């Protein structure tokens, strides 16, 4: 099966005509045309027209999937659509609006509909992403091919594998976007365990609202583990972990050992054990931590002790990480 992509953008193209946003002002005019494709020079695809009236040898499923005379299977997923329930058991080519909901790709992988031999290509592209460079970065993480208009795809030629480093550390201040970036990095994985190190919010309505917002933002198929035993979580992981976050973990460790005003030897030992487990991690792990060394010096000895301990922990984990970045106003500064 061959698929000619004459257009890879959303309905208005990218840049959208007359749109003054920063994304649309970057690419040259006519950079990407609205999505359209032709399969085997015989079947036309678009987001607006379901697959009907196919030539002999082709079978349609739910208006969004087909198999060709060679047995290859294709899935075309526009925004708001789901794969057909009665479709093929796996797909050779998937054309998907991955910007709408990247976790949908994780769901497809989890169901076995997409595997290492599937060519996944991003279509429906538009100003939901700020630049071609940012698009390419995300698609590398998700294992999705970014191709220009006019590209011909062929079944049997697998796309790129997800490029998630073994250990990633994301630092940032309050409301910097560090948690959202961590979630984005693992969005297309079929199995992820979200390790929540903070309290659940009982008795604190404001904190409970924050926790609820995080839960609602995460993909529904992710597992959640609420624990401060990060060493056990790292050593027992057989799928990617997202640890959010190290600041709340360290605060809990201070609480557990009564170390705010007393001896902090036990805290140092817990940090040593975490660094060792991080170094030995076998599954990909993304950890979120607070950058606390850029503000006002805390007025209390306990506050200064916590800031110093977290700063040292961040430094040690960064030294053992393949990828480290500072998130500022939702933008990444790779370190």
Protein backbone atom coordinates (compact mmCIF):
# COMPACT_ATOMS: atom_id res chain seq x y z
CA UNK A 1 0.00 0.00 0.00
CA UNK A 2 1.22 3.47 -0.85
CA UNK A 3 -0.23 6.71 0.49
CA UNK A 4 0.45 10.07 -1.15
CA UNK A 5 -0.04 12.96 1.27
CA UNK A 6 -0.84 16.04 -0.78
CA UNK A 7 -1.60 18.00 2.39
CA UNK A 8 -0.74 17.48 6.06
CA UNK A 9 -2.34 20.46 7.84
CA UNK A 10 -5.68 21.09 9.50
CA UNK A 11 -8.71 22.41 7.69
CA UNK A 12 -7.39 25.98 7.36
CA UNK A 13 -3.83 25.00 6.54
CA UNK A 14 -0.73 26.06 8.45
CA UNK A 15 -0.29 28.99 8.56
CA UNK A 16 -4.01 29.72 8.60
CA UNK A 17 -4.88 32.57 6.24
CA UNK A 18 -5.15 35.86 8.10
CA UNK A 19 -4.25 34.36 11.48
CA UNK A 20 -1.98 36.73 13.44
CA UNK A 21 -0.78 34.20 16.03
CA UNK A 22 2.92 33.61 16.63
CA UNK A 23 2.76 30.09 15.17
CA UNK A 24 1.19 31.19 11.89
CA UNK A 25 3.64 34.05 11.53
CA UNK A 26 6.66 31.72 11.52
CA UNK A 27 6.31 29.36 8.53
CA UNK A 28 6.32 30.76 4.98
CA UNK A 29 2.95 31.22 3.30
CA UNK A 30 1.46 27.96 2.02
CA UNK A 31 3.83 25.89 4.16
CA UNK A 32 1.30 23.09 4.78
CA UNK A 33 -1.96 22.58 2.90
CA UNK A 34 -5.16 21.07 4.39
CA UNK A 35 -4.98 17.32 4.83
CA UNK A 36 -5.70 15.21 1.77
CA UNK A 37 -4.30 11.86 0.69
CA UNK A 38 -4.66 9.23 -2.03
CA UNK A 39 -4.20 5.51 -1.38
CA UNK A 40 -2.75 3.44 -4.24
CA UNK A 41 -3.85 6.13 -6.73
CA UNK A 42 -7.38 4.83 -6.18
CA UNK A 43 -8.87 5.97 -2.84
CA UNK A 44 -9.08 9.58 -1.70
CA UNK A 45 -8.88 10.45 1.99
CA UNK A 46 -9.92 13.57 3.87
CA UNK A 47 -11.08 14.43 7.36
CA UNK A 48 -14.53 15.40 6.11
CA UNK A 49 -15.48 12.48 3.88
CA UNK A 50 -15.86 8.94 5.29
CA UNK A 51 -14.60 6.03 3.24
CA UNK A 52 -17.41 4.82 1.01
CA UNK A 53 -17.74 3.34 -2.47
CA UNK A 54 -14.26 1.82 -2.53
CA UNK A 55 -12.87 0.10 -5.64
CA UNK A 56 -12.84 -3.71 -5.80
CA UNK A 57 -10.29 -5.28 -3.48
CA UNK A 58 -10.68 -2.65 -0.73
CA UNK A 59 -12.69 -3.04 2.45
CA UNK A 60 -13.83 -0.11 4.60
CA UNK A 61 -14.37 -0.20 8.37
CA UNK A 62 -16.44 2.45 10.10
CA UNK A 63 -15.64 5.02 7.44
CA UNK A 64 -12.17 5.62 8.89
CA UNK A 65 -10.16 2.45 8.18
CA UNK A 66 -9.53 0.24 5.17
CA UNK A 67 -7.60 -2.75 3.95
CA UNK A 68 -6.19 -2.91 0.45
CA UNK A 69 -5.74 -5.72 -2.09
CA UNK A 70 -2.29 -6.43 -0.62
CA UNK A 71 -3.79 -6.94 2.87
CA UNK A 72 -2.25 -3.79 4.31
CA UNK A 73 -4.45 -1.87 6.73
CA UNK A 74 -4.74 1.90 7.11
CA UNK A 75 -6.40 4.03 9.79
CA UNK A 76 -7.23 7.71 9.32
CA UNK A 77 -8.17 9.45 12.59
CA UNK A 78 -9.40 13.04 12.39
CA UNK A 79 -10.12 15.09 15.54
CA UNK A 80 -12.84 13.65 17.74
CA UNK A 81 -12.93 10.27 15.99
CA UNK A 82 -12.12 6.83 17.36
CA UNK A 83 -10.96 3.71 15.49
CA UNK A 84 -13.78 1.39 14.36
CA UNK A 85 -14.71 -1.42 16.72
CA UNK A 86 -14.84 -3.92 13.86
CA UNK A 87 -11.59 -2.87 12.20
CA UNK A 88 -8.40 -4.87 11.51
CA UNK A 89 -6.45 -6.27 14.50
CA UNK A 90 -3.49 -3.98 13.69
CA UNK A 91 -2.62 -1.23 11.24
CA UNK A 92 0.30 -0.83 8.88
CA UNK A 93 -0.24 2.91 8.35
CA UNK A 94 -1.91 5.37 10.71
CA UNK A 95 -2.64 9.00 9.80
CA UNK A 96 -3.60 10.79 13.00
CA UNK A 97 -4.20 14.25 14.37
CA UNK A 98 -1.77 13.65 17.22
CA UNK A 99 -1.89 17.26 18.44
CA UNK A 100 -5.51 16.93 19.50
CA UNK A 101 -4.90 14.17 22.03
CA UNK A 102 -1.47 12.50 21.87
CA UNK A 103 -2.48 9.94 24.50
CA UNK A 104 -4.78 8.43 21.86
CA UNK A 105 -1.64 7.00 20.27
CA UNK A 106 -0.77 5.40 23.59
CA UNK A 107 -4.24 3.86 23.67
CA UNK A 108 -3.76 2.45 20.16
CA UNK A 109 -0.42 0.96 21.17
CA UNK A 110 -1.89 -0.47 24.35
CA UNK A 111 -4.65 -2.16 22.31
CA UNK A 112 -2.11 -3.65 19.86
CA UNK A 113 -3.54 -1.69 16.93
CA UNK A 114 -0.21 0.09 16.54
CA UNK A 115 3.11 -1.70 17.03
CA UNK A 116 6.76 -1.33 16.08
CA UNK A 117 6.02 -2.13 12.45
CA UNK A 118 3.35 0.56 12.06
CA UNK A 119 4.13 3.78 10.24
CA UNK A 120 2.41 6.58 12.16
CA UNK A 121 2.36 9.97 10.40
CA UNK A 122 1.13 13.24 11.85
CA UNK A 123 -1.60 15.07 9.90
CA UNK A 124 -4.05 17.82 10.75
CA UNK A 125 -1.12 20.01 11.83
CA UNK A 126 -1.75 23.64 12.69
CA UNK A 127 -1.11 26.47 15.12
CA UNK A 128 -1.88 24.34 18.19
CA UNK A 129 1.91 23.88 18.22
CA UNK A 130 4.05 26.98 18.23
CA UNK A 131 6.60 26.06 15.56
CA UNK A 132 7.88 23.35 13.25
CA UNK A 133 10.81 22.88 15.64
CA UNK A 134 8.50 22.24 18.59
CA UNK A 135 6.40 19.89 16.43
CA UNK A 136 9.48 17.88 15.48
CA UNK A 137 10.55 17.66 19.14
CA UNK A 138 7.20 16.27 20.25
CA UNK A 139 6.91 13.81 17.38
CA UNK A 140 10.36 12.39 18.13
CA UNK A 141 9.24 11.70 21.69
CA UNK A 142 6.05 10.03 20.49
CA UNK A 143 7.55 7.96 17.64
CA UNK A 144 5.55 9.75 14.94
CA UNK A 145 6.81 10.68 11.48
CA UNK A 146 6.69 14.35 10.54
CA UNK A 147 6.57 14.54 6.76
CA UNK A 148 6.10 17.48 4.37
CA UNK A 149 3.28 17.84 1.88
CA UNK A 150 3.83 15.65 -1.16
CA UNK A 151 5.38 12.73 0.75
CA UNK A 152 4.58 9.19 -0.37
CA UNK A 153 4.32 6.67 2.46
CA UNK A 154 4.54 2.91 2.00
CA UNK A 155 3.30 0.12 4.26
CA UNK A 156 5.98 -2.20 5.54
CA UNK A 157 8.32 0.72 6.24
CA UNK A 158 8.02 1.35 9.99
CA UNK A 159 8.13 4.82 11.42
CA UNK A 160 10.53 6.07 14.08
CA UNK A 161 10.53 4.55 17.54
CA UNK A 162 9.68 6.83 20.48
CA UNK A 163 12.84 8.66 21.54
CA UNK A 164 12.34 8.91 25.32
CA UNK A 165 15.64 9.06 27.28
CA UNK A 166 16.13 6.59 30.14
CA UNK A 167 16.29 9.31 32.82
CA UNK A 168 14.83 12.80 32.38
CA UNK A 169 14.81 15.54 35.03
CA UNK A 170 12.58 18.58 34.55
CA UNK A 171 13.19 21.55 36.83
CA UNK A 172 11.05 24.65 37.16
CA UNK A 173 9.36 27.12 39.42
CA UNK A 174 5.74 27.23 40.48
CA UNK A 175 3.30 27.14 37.53
CA UNK A 176 6.19 26.97 35.09
CA UNK A 177 4.62 24.15 33.06
CA UNK A 178 7.08 21.49 34.23
CA UNK A 179 4.39 18.92 35.10
CA UNK A 180 2.58 19.44 31.80
CA UNK A 181 5.87 18.96 29.95
CA UNK A 182 6.56 15.76 31.86
CA UNK A 183 3.13 14.40 30.92
CA UNK A 184 3.61 15.42 27.30
CA UNK A 185 6.89 13.51 27.07
CA UNK A 186 5.19 10.21 27.93
CA UNK A 187 1.80 10.92 26.35
CA UNK A 188 2.10 8.32 23.56
CA UNK A 189 3.35 5.47 25.77
CA UNK A 190 0.96 2.52 26.19
CA UNK A 191 1.82 1.94 29.84
CA UNK A 192 2.81 4.67 32.30
CA UNK A 193 2.73 4.80 36.09
CA UNK A 194 2.24 8.26 37.56
CA UNK A 195 4.01 8.36 40.92
CA UNK A 196 2.35 10.98 43.12
CA UNK A 197 4.53 11.91 46.08
CA UNK A 198 2.35 14.62 47.62
CA UNK A 199 -0.66 14.50 49.94
CA UNK A 200 -4.09 13.82 48.48
CA UNK A 201 -5.58 17.08 49.76
CA UNK A 202 -7.77 15.86 52.60
CA UNK A 203 -8.80 18.88 54.66
CA UNK A 204 -7.25 21.37 52.21
CA UNK A 205 -9.70 22.38 49.47
CA UNK A 206 -7.16 24.39 47.48
CA UNK A 207 -4.60 21.58 47.41
CA UNK A 208 -7.32 19.03 46.61
CA UNK A 209 -8.31 21.16 43.60
CA UNK A 210 -4.71 21.10 42.37
CA UNK A 211 -4.55 17.32 42.74
CA UNK A 212 -7.88 16.93 40.92
CA UNK A 213 -6.69 19.11 38.02
CA UNK A 214 -3.58 16.93 37.63
CA UNK A 215 -5.66 13.75 37.65
CA UNK A 216 -8.11 15.05 35.05
CA UNK A 217 -5.26 16.10 32.76
CA UNK A 218 -3.55 12.70 32.79
CA UNK A 219 -4.51 9.97 30.28
CA UNK A 220 -7.20 7.69 31.67
CA UNK A 221 -5.21 4.53 30.91
CA UNK A 222 -2.24 5.56 33.09
CA UNK A 223 -1.82 3.88 36.47
CA UNK A 224 -1.32 5.99 39.61
CA UNK A 225 0.90 5.12 42.55
CA UNK A 226 0.76 7.32 45.65
CA UNK A 227 3.95 6.73 47.63
CA UNK A 228 7.06 8.28 49.10
CA UNK A 229 9.05 5.05 48.60
CA UNK A 230 10.61 6.16 45.33
CA UNK A 231 13.43 3.65 45.63
CA UNK A 232 10.97 0.75 45.50
CA UNK A 233 9.03 2.40 42.67
CA UNK A 234 12.16 2.83 40.55
CA UNK A 235 13.51 -0.65 41.19
CA UNK A 236 10.17 -2.35 40.58
CA UNK A 237 9.24 -0.49 37.39
CA UNK A 238 8.75 -2.42 34.16
CA UNK A 239 7.12 0.50 32.31
CA UNK A 240 7.81 4.26 32.19
CA UNK A 241 7.41 6.25 35.40
CA UNK A 242 6.47 9.88 35.87
CA UNK A 243 7.49 11.12 39.31
CA UNK A 244 5.76 14.34 40.38
CA UNK A 245 7.50 15.57 42.25
CA UNK A 246 10.78 15.53 44.13
CA UNK A 247 10.00 18.65 46.17
CA UNK A 248 6.93 17.12 47.79
CA UNK A 249 8.84 13.85 48.24
CA UNK A 250 11.63 15.60 50.10
CA UNK A 251 9.16 17.52 52.26
CA UNK A 252 7.51 14.20 53.18
CA UNK A 253 10.91 12.71 54.03
CA UNK A 254 11.63 15.68 56.31
CA UNK A 255 8.26 15.04 57.99
CA UNK A 256 8.79 11.30 58.36
CA UNK A 257 12.12 11.77 60.12
CA UNK A 258 11.26 14.88 62.11
CA UNK A 259 14.16 16.61 60.39
CA UNK A 260 12.86 20.16 60.13
CA UNK A 261 14.46 21.15 63.42
CA UNK A 262 16.47 18.05 64.33
CA UNK A 263 19.13 15.75 62.93
CA UNK A 264 19.01 15.36 59.13
CA UNK A 265 21.24 12.30 58.77
CA UNK A 266 18.25 10.13 57.85
CA UNK A 267 17.23 12.59 55.12
CA UNK A 268 20.73 12.42 53.62
CA UNK A 269 20.55 8.63 53.65
CA UNK A 270 17.17 8.65 51.86
CA UNK A 271 18.59 10.99 49.21
CA UNK A 272 21.64 8.74 48.76
CA UNK A 273 19.36 5.74 48.24
CA UNK A 274 17.22 7.63 45.72
CA UNK A 275 20.24 8.71 43.69
CA UNK A 276 21.49 5.10 43.62
CA UNK A 277 18.10 3.79 42.46
CA UNK A 278 17.88 6.55 39.84
CA UNK A 279 21.31 5.56 38.51
CA UNK A 280 20.21 1.92 38.24
CA UNK A 281 16.75 2.58 36.73
CA UNK A 282 15.93 0.09 33.98
CA UNK A 283 12.65 1.65 32.79
CA UNK A 284 12.34 5.20 31.45
CA UNK A 285 11.61 7.71 34.20
CA UNK A 286 10.70 11.38 34.03
CA UNK A 287 10.94 13.29 37.31
CA UNK A 288 9.66 16.77 38.09
CA UNK A 289 11.45 18.90 40.67
CA UNK A 290 11.29 22.45 41.95
CA UNK A 291 14.08 24.87 41.19
CA UNK A 292 14.36 26.55 44.58
CA UNK A 293 17.72 28.28 44.33
CA UNK A 294 16.66 31.38 42.38
CA UNK A 295 14.37 33.09 44.90
CA UNK A 296 14.64 34.86 48.19
CA UNK A 297 16.71 33.11 50.85
CA UNK A 298 14.23 31.52 53.30
CA UNK A 299 13.89 33.35 56.59
CA UNK A 300 14.03 30.18 58.72
CA UNK A 301 16.77 27.65 59.30
CA UNK A 302 14.43 24.80 58.37
CA UNK A 303 13.49 26.54 55.11
CA UNK A 304 17.13 27.04 54.24
CA UNK A 305 17.90 23.40 55.08
CA UNK A 306 15.11 22.20 52.77
CA UNK A 307 16.23 24.48 49.94
CA UNK A 308 19.82 23.30 50.24
CA UNK A 309 18.83 19.62 50.42
CA UNK A 310 16.62 19.86 47.33
CA UNK A 311 19.25 21.81 45.44
CA UNK A 312 21.85 19.14 46.18
CA UNK A 313 19.42 16.36 45.22
CA UNK A 314 18.60 18.07 41.91
CA UNK A 315 22.29 18.44 41.15
CA UNK A 316 23.06 14.79 41.90
CA UNK A 317 20.13 13.46 39.86
CA UNK A 318 20.99 15.75 36.97
CA UNK A 319 24.50 14.29 36.92
CA UNK A 320 22.95 10.83 36.46
CA UNK A 321 20.41 11.87 33.78
CA UNK A 322 20.50 11.65 30.02
CA UNK A 323 18.18 14.66 29.71
CA UNK A 324 17.80 17.69 31.96
CA UNK A 325 15.82 20.85 31.25
CA UNK A 326 14.63 23.95 33.04
CA UNK A 327 11.01 24.85 32.25
CA UNK A 328 10.24 28.57 32.26
CA UNK A 329 6.82 29.91 31.20
CA UNK A 330 6.15 26.62 29.42
CA UNK A 331 9.38 26.81 27.43
CA UNK A 332 12.27 24.35 27.69
CA UNK A 333 15.84 25.41 28.36
CA UNK A 334 17.88 22.25 27.87
CA UNK A 335 20.78 21.97 30.31
